[in-house]
Amino acid sequence: MELLHVIPGRPGFEHRTLRCTNCGVIYEAQAPADPIDSEVLGWFHSGLKPPE
């Protein structure tokens, strides 16, 4: 499968359009959105350390 498009769907989900690379059939699905967004990534790079 080849990912053609990803657009926002209802809150917490994405609408994805895929195409089979063998036969060309188009498949559309809603999937949970990636929970790691740009705002969250800032915490990873901020230098904060987990509690010990």
PDB file of N, CA and C in Angstrom:
ATOM      1  N   MET A   1       0.838  -1.180   0.000  1.00  0.00           N
ATOM      2  CA  MET A   1       0.000   0.000   0.000  1.00  0.00           C
ATOM      3  C   MET A   1       0.879   1.237   0.000  1.00  0.00           C
ATOM      4  N   GLU A   2       0.386   2.239  -0.694  1.00  0.00           N
ATOM      5  CA  GLU A   2       1.075   3.520  -0.784  1.00  0.00           C
ATOM      6  C   GLU A   2       0.161   4.586  -0.195  1.00  0.00           C
ATOM      7  N   LEU A   3       0.682   5.396   0.711  1.00  0.00           N
ATOM      8  CA  LEU A   3      -0.088   6.465   1.328  1.00  0.00           C
ATOM      9  C   LEU A   3      -0.144   7.651   0.372  1.00  0.00           C
ATOM     10  N   LEU A   4      -1.366   8.038  -0.012  1.00  0.00           N
ATOM     11  CA  LEU A   4      -1.532   9.142  -0.951  1.00  0.00           C
ATOM     12  C   LEU A   4      -1.797  10.470  -0.246  1.00  0.00           C
ATOM     13  N   HIS A   5      -2.741  10.468   0.708  1.00  0.00           N
ATOM     14  CA  HIS A   5      -3.134  11.704   1.389  1.00  0.00           C
ATOM     15  C   HIS A   5      -3.430  11.416   2.854  1.00  0.00           C
ATOM     16  N   VAL A   6      -3.162  12.404   3.694  1.00  0.00           N
ATOM     17  CA  VAL A   6      -3.577  12.389   5.097  1.00  0.00           C
ATOM     18  C   VAL A   6      -4.132  13.762   5.395  1.00  0.00           C
ATOM     19  N   ILE A   7      -5.397  13.808   5.830  1.00  0.00           N
ATOM     20  CA  ILE A   7      -6.013  15.079   6.206  1.00  0.00           C
ATOM     21  C   ILE A   7      -6.669  14.901   7.572  1.00  0.00           C
ATOM     22  N   PRO A   8      -6.805  15.985   8.332  1.00  0.00           N
ATOM     23  CA  PRO A   8      -7.458  15.881   9.636  1.00  0.00           C
ATOM     24  C   PRO A   8      -8.893  15.411   9.491  1.00  0.00           C
ATOM     25  N   GLY A   9      -9.320  14.577  10.413  1.00  0.00           N
ATOM     26  CA  GLY A   9     -10.704  14.110  10.451  1.00  0.00           C
ATOM     27  C   GLY A   9     -11.367  14.641  11.705  1.00  0.00           C
ATOM     28  N   ARG A  10     -12.275  13.850  12.250  1.00  0.00           N
ATOM     29  CA  ARG A  10     -12.908  14.263  13.505  1.00  0.00           C
ATOM     30  C   ARG A  10     -11.820  14.342  14.582  1.00  0.00           C
ATOM     31  N   PRO A  11     -12.066  15.006  15.692  1.00  0.00           N
ATOM     32  CA  PRO A  11     -11.023  15.195  16.705  1.00  0.00           C
ATOM     33  C   PRO A  11     -10.350  13.873  17.108  1.00  0.00           C
ATOM     34  N   GLY A  12      -9.020  13.877  17.041  1.00  0.00           N
ATOM     35  CA  GLY A  12      -8.249  12.695  17.411  1.00  0.00           C
ATOM     36  C   GLY A  12      -8.036  11.694  16.298  1.00  0.00           C
ATOM     37  N   PHE A  13      -8.551  11.991  15.098  1.00  0.00           N
ATOM     38  CA  PHE A  13      -8.434  11.056  13.977  1.00  0.00           C
ATOM     39  C   PHE A  13      -7.935  11.751  12.722  1.00  0.00           C
ATOM     40  N   GLU A  14      -7.420  10.955  11.799  1.00  0.00           N
ATOM     41  CA  GLU A  14      -6.995  11.422  10.486  1.00  0.00           C
ATOM     42  C   GLU A  14      -7.734  10.618   9.425  1.00  0.00           C
ATOM     43  N   HIS A  15      -7.968  11.241   8.288  1.00  0.00           N
ATOM     44  CA  HIS A  15      -8.556  10.550   7.141  1.00  0.00           C
ATOM     45  C   HIS A  15      -7.409  10.239   6.192  1.00  0.00           C
ATOM     46  N   ARG A  16      -7.185   8.954   5.932  1.00  0.00           N
ATOM     47  CA  ARG A  16      -6.059   8.530   5.094  1.00  0.00           C
ATOM     48  C   ARG A  16      -6.564   7.901   3.803  1.00  0.00           C
ATOM     49  N   THR A  17      -5.905   8.227   2.701  1.00  0.00           N
ATOM     50  CA  THR A  17      -6.189   7.627   1.412  1.00  0.00           C
ATOM     51  C   THR A  17      -4.962   6.821   0.997  1.00  0.00           C
ATOM     52  N   LEU A  18      -5.179   5.535   0.735  1.00  0.00           N
ATOM     53  CA  LEU A  18      -4.092   4.637   0.348  1.00  0.00           C
ATOM     54  C   LEU A  18      -4.401   4.005  -1.001  1.00  0.00           C
ATOM     55  N   ARG A  19      -3.360   3.577  -1.699  1.00  0.00           N
ATOM     56  CA  ARG A  19      -3.537   2.907  -2.986  1.00  0.00           C
ATOM     57  C   ARG A  19      -2.678   1.652  -2.996  1.00  0.00           C
ATOM     58  N   CYS A  20      -3.270   0.546  -3.449  1.00  0.00           N
ATOM     59  CA  CYS A  20      -2.535  -0.712  -3.569  1.00  0.00           C
ATOM     60  C   CYS A  20      -1.540  -0.575  -4.720  1.00  0.00           C
ATOM     61  N   THR A  21      -0.262  -0.875  -4.457  1.00  0.00           N
ATOM     62  CA  THR A  21       0.753  -0.741  -5.493  1.00  0.00           C
ATOM     63  C   THR A  21       0.696  -1.873  -6.513  1.00  0.00           C
ATOM     64  N   ASN A  22      -0.018  -2.957  -6.181  1.00  0.00           N
ATOM     65  CA  ASN A  22      -0.146  -4.075  -7.129  1.00  0.00           C
ATOM     66  C   ASN A  22      -1.313  -3.885  -8.098  1.00  0.00           C
ATOM     67  N   CYS A  23      -2.496  -3.571  -7.551  1.00  0.00           N
ATOM     68  CA  CYS A  23      -3.679  -3.520  -8.415  1.00  0.00           C
ATOM     69  C   CYS A  23      -4.262  -2.117  -8.597  1.00  0.00           C
ATOM     70  N   GLY A  24      -3.821  -1.128  -7.790  1.00  0.00           N
ATOM     71  CA  GLY A  24      -4.296   0.238  -7.946  1.00  0.00           C
ATOM     72  C   GLY A  24      -5.583   0.564  -7.212  1.00  0.00           C
ATOM     73  N   VAL A  25      -6.133  -0.366  -6.442  1.00  0.00           N
ATOM     74  CA  VAL A  25      -7.366  -0.114  -5.700  1.00  0.00           C
ATOM     75  C   VAL A  25      -7.119   0.979  -4.662  1.00  0.00           C
ATOM     76  N   ILE A  26      -8.055   1.924  -4.565  1.00  0.00           N
ATOM     77  CA  ILE A  26      -7.972   3.019  -3.606  1.00  0.00           C
ATOM     78  C   ILE A  26      -8.731   2.609  -2.348  1.00  0.00           C
ATOM     79  N   TYR A  27      -8.121   2.842  -1.187  1.00  0.00           N
ATOM     80  CA  TYR A  27      -8.724   2.507   0.103  1.00  0.00           C
ATOM     81  C   TYR A  27      -8.708   3.761   0.957  1.00  0.00           C
ATOM     82  N   GLU A  28      -9.835   4.093   1.562  1.00  0.00           N
ATOM     83  CA  GLU A  28      -9.933   5.249   2.436  1.00  0.00           C
ATOM     84  C   GLU A  28     -10.297   4.778   3.833  1.00  0.00           C
ATOM     85  N   ALA A  29      -9.645   5.353   4.839  1.00  0.00           N
ATOM     86  CA  ALA A  29      -9.885   4.930   6.212  1.00  0.00           C
ATOM     87  C   ALA A  29      -9.651   6.080   7.173  1.00  0.00           C
ATOM     88  N   GLN A  30     -10.313   5.990   8.327  1.00  0.00           N
ATOM     89  CA  GLN A  30     -10.022   6.902   9.426  1.00  0.00           C
ATOM     90  C   GLN A  30      -9.156   6.136  10.408  1.00  0.00           C
ATOM     91  N   ALA A  31      -8.127   6.800  10.904  1.00  0.00           N
ATOM     92  CA  ALA A  31      -7.207   6.177  11.847  1.00  0.00           C
ATOM     93  C   ALA A  31      -6.914   7.166  12.968  1.00  0.00           C
ATOM     94  N   PRO A  32      -6.565   6.663  14.142  1.00  0.00           N
ATOM     95  CA  PRO A  32      -6.200   7.582  15.227  1.00  0.00           C
ATOM     96  C   PRO A  32      -5.031   8.466  14.801  1.00  0.00           C
ATOM     97  N   ALA A  33      -5.116   9.730  15.143  1.00  0.00           N
ATOM     98  CA  ALA A  33      -4.045  10.672  14.810  1.00  0.00           C
ATOM     99  C   ALA A  33      -2.821  10.367  15.655  1.00  0.00           C
ATOM    100  N   ASP A  34      -1.657  10.731  15.151  1.00  0.00           N
ATOM    101  CA  ASP A  34      -0.411  10.529  15.879  1.00  0.00           C
ATOM    102  C   ASP A  34      -0.447  11.374  17.150  1.00  0.00           C
ATOM    103  N   PRO A  35      -0.295  10.756  18.320  1.00  0.00           N
ATOM    104  CA  PRO A  35      -0.390  11.518  19.571  1.00  0.00           C
ATOM    105  C   PRO A  35       0.801  12.442  19.802  1.00  0.00           C
ATOM    106  N   ILE A  36       1.889  12.253  19.082  1.00  0.00           N
ATOM    107  CA  ILE A  36       3.063  13.104  19.253  1.00  0.00           C
ATOM    108  C   ILE A  36       2.977  14.233  18.235  1.00  0.00           C
ATOM    109  N   ASP A  37       2.592  15.403  18.709  1.00  0.00           N
ATOM    110  CA  ASP A  37       2.523  16.551  17.805  1.00  0.00           C
ATOM    111  C   ASP A  37       3.668  17.513  18.106  1.00  0.00           C
ATOM    112  N   SER A  38       3.756  18.580  17.360  1.00  0.00           N
ATOM    113  CA  SER A  38       4.898  19.490  17.476  1.00  0.00           C
ATOM    114  C   SER A  38       4.998  20.126  18.856  1.00  0.00           C
ATOM    115  N   GLU A  39       3.868  20.380  19.518  1.00  0.00           N
ATOM    116  CA  GLU A  39       3.921  20.987  20.845  1.00  0.00           C
ATOM    117  C   GLU A  39       4.525  20.021  21.857  1.00  0.00           C
ATOM    118  N   VAL A  40       4.206  18.756  21.745  1.00  0.00           N
ATOM    119  CA  VAL A  40       4.723  17.755  22.669  1.00  0.00           C
ATOM    120  C   VAL A  40       6.214  17.554  22.453  1.00  0.00           C
ATOM    121  N   LEU A  41       6.668  17.582  21.208  1.00  0.00           N
ATOM    122  CA  LEU A  41       8.086  17.374  20.922  1.00  0.00           C
ATOM    123  C   LEU A  41       8.962  18.415  21.603  1.00  0.00           C
ATOM    124  N   GLY A  42       8.428  19.593  21.850  1.00  0.00           N
ATOM    125  CA  GLY A  42       9.194  20.611  22.550  1.00  0.00           C
ATOM    126  C   GLY A  42       9.659  20.151  23.926  1.00  0.00           C
ATOM    127  N   TRP A  43       8.849  19.354  24.599  1.00  0.00           N
ATOM    128  CA  TRP A  43       9.231  18.830  25.911  1.00  0.00           C
ATOM    129  C   TRP A  43      10.425  17.892  25.792  1.00  0.00           C
ATOM    130  N   PHE A  44      10.502  17.115  24.750  1.00  0.00           N
ATOM    131  CA  PHE A  44      11.608  16.189  24.590  1.00  0.00           C
ATOM    132  C   PHE A  44      12.935  16.915  24.407  1.00  0.00           C
ATOM    133  N   HIS A  45      12.895  18.058  23.763  1.00  0.00           N
ATOM    134  CA  HIS A  45      14.110  18.787  23.450  1.00  0.00           C
ATOM    135  C   HIS A  45      14.393  19.932  24.420  1.00  0.00           C
ATOM    136  N   SER A  46      13.592  20.055  25.478  1.00  0.00           N
ATOM    137  CA  SER A  46      13.740  21.181  26.392  1.00  0.00           C
ATOM    138  C   SER A  46      14.819  20.954  27.440  1.00  0.00           C
ATOM    139  N   GLY A  47      15.335  19.733  27.570  1.00  0.00           N
ATOM    140  CA  GLY A  47      16.343  19.463  28.585  1.00  0.00           C
ATOM    141  C   GLY A  47      15.766  18.969  29.883  1.00  0.00           C
ATOM    142  N   LEU A  48      14.428  18.873  29.993  1.00  0.00           N
ATOM    143  CA  LEU A  48      13.824  18.352  31.210  1.00  0.00           C
ATOM    144  C   LEU A  48      14.159  16.886  31.361  1.00  0.00           C
ATOM    145  N   LYS A  49      14.377  16.475  32.589  1.00  0.00           N
ATOM    146  CA  LYS A  49      14.713  15.081  32.841  1.00  0.00           C
ATOM    147  C   LYS A  49      13.582  14.440  33.656  1.00  0.00           C
ATOM    148  N   PRO A  50      13.338  13.145  33.467  1.00  0.00           N
ATOM    149  CA  PRO A  50      12.281  12.483  34.235  1.00  0.00           C
ATOM    150  C   PRO A  50      12.648  12.407  35.716  1.00  0.00           C
ATOM    151  N   PRO A  51      11.658  12.304  36.591  1.00  0.00           N
ATOM    152  CA  PRO A  51      11.947  12.199  38.020  1.00  0.00           C
ATOM    153  C   PRO A  51      12.783  10.953  38.327  1.00  0.00           C
ATOM    154  N   GLU A  52      13.643  11.069  39.321  1.00  0.00           N
ATOM    155  CA  GLU A  52      14.481   9.928  39.694  1.00  0.00           C
ATOM    156  C   GLU A  52      13.954   9.236  40.928  1.00  0.00           C
TER     157      GLU A  52
END
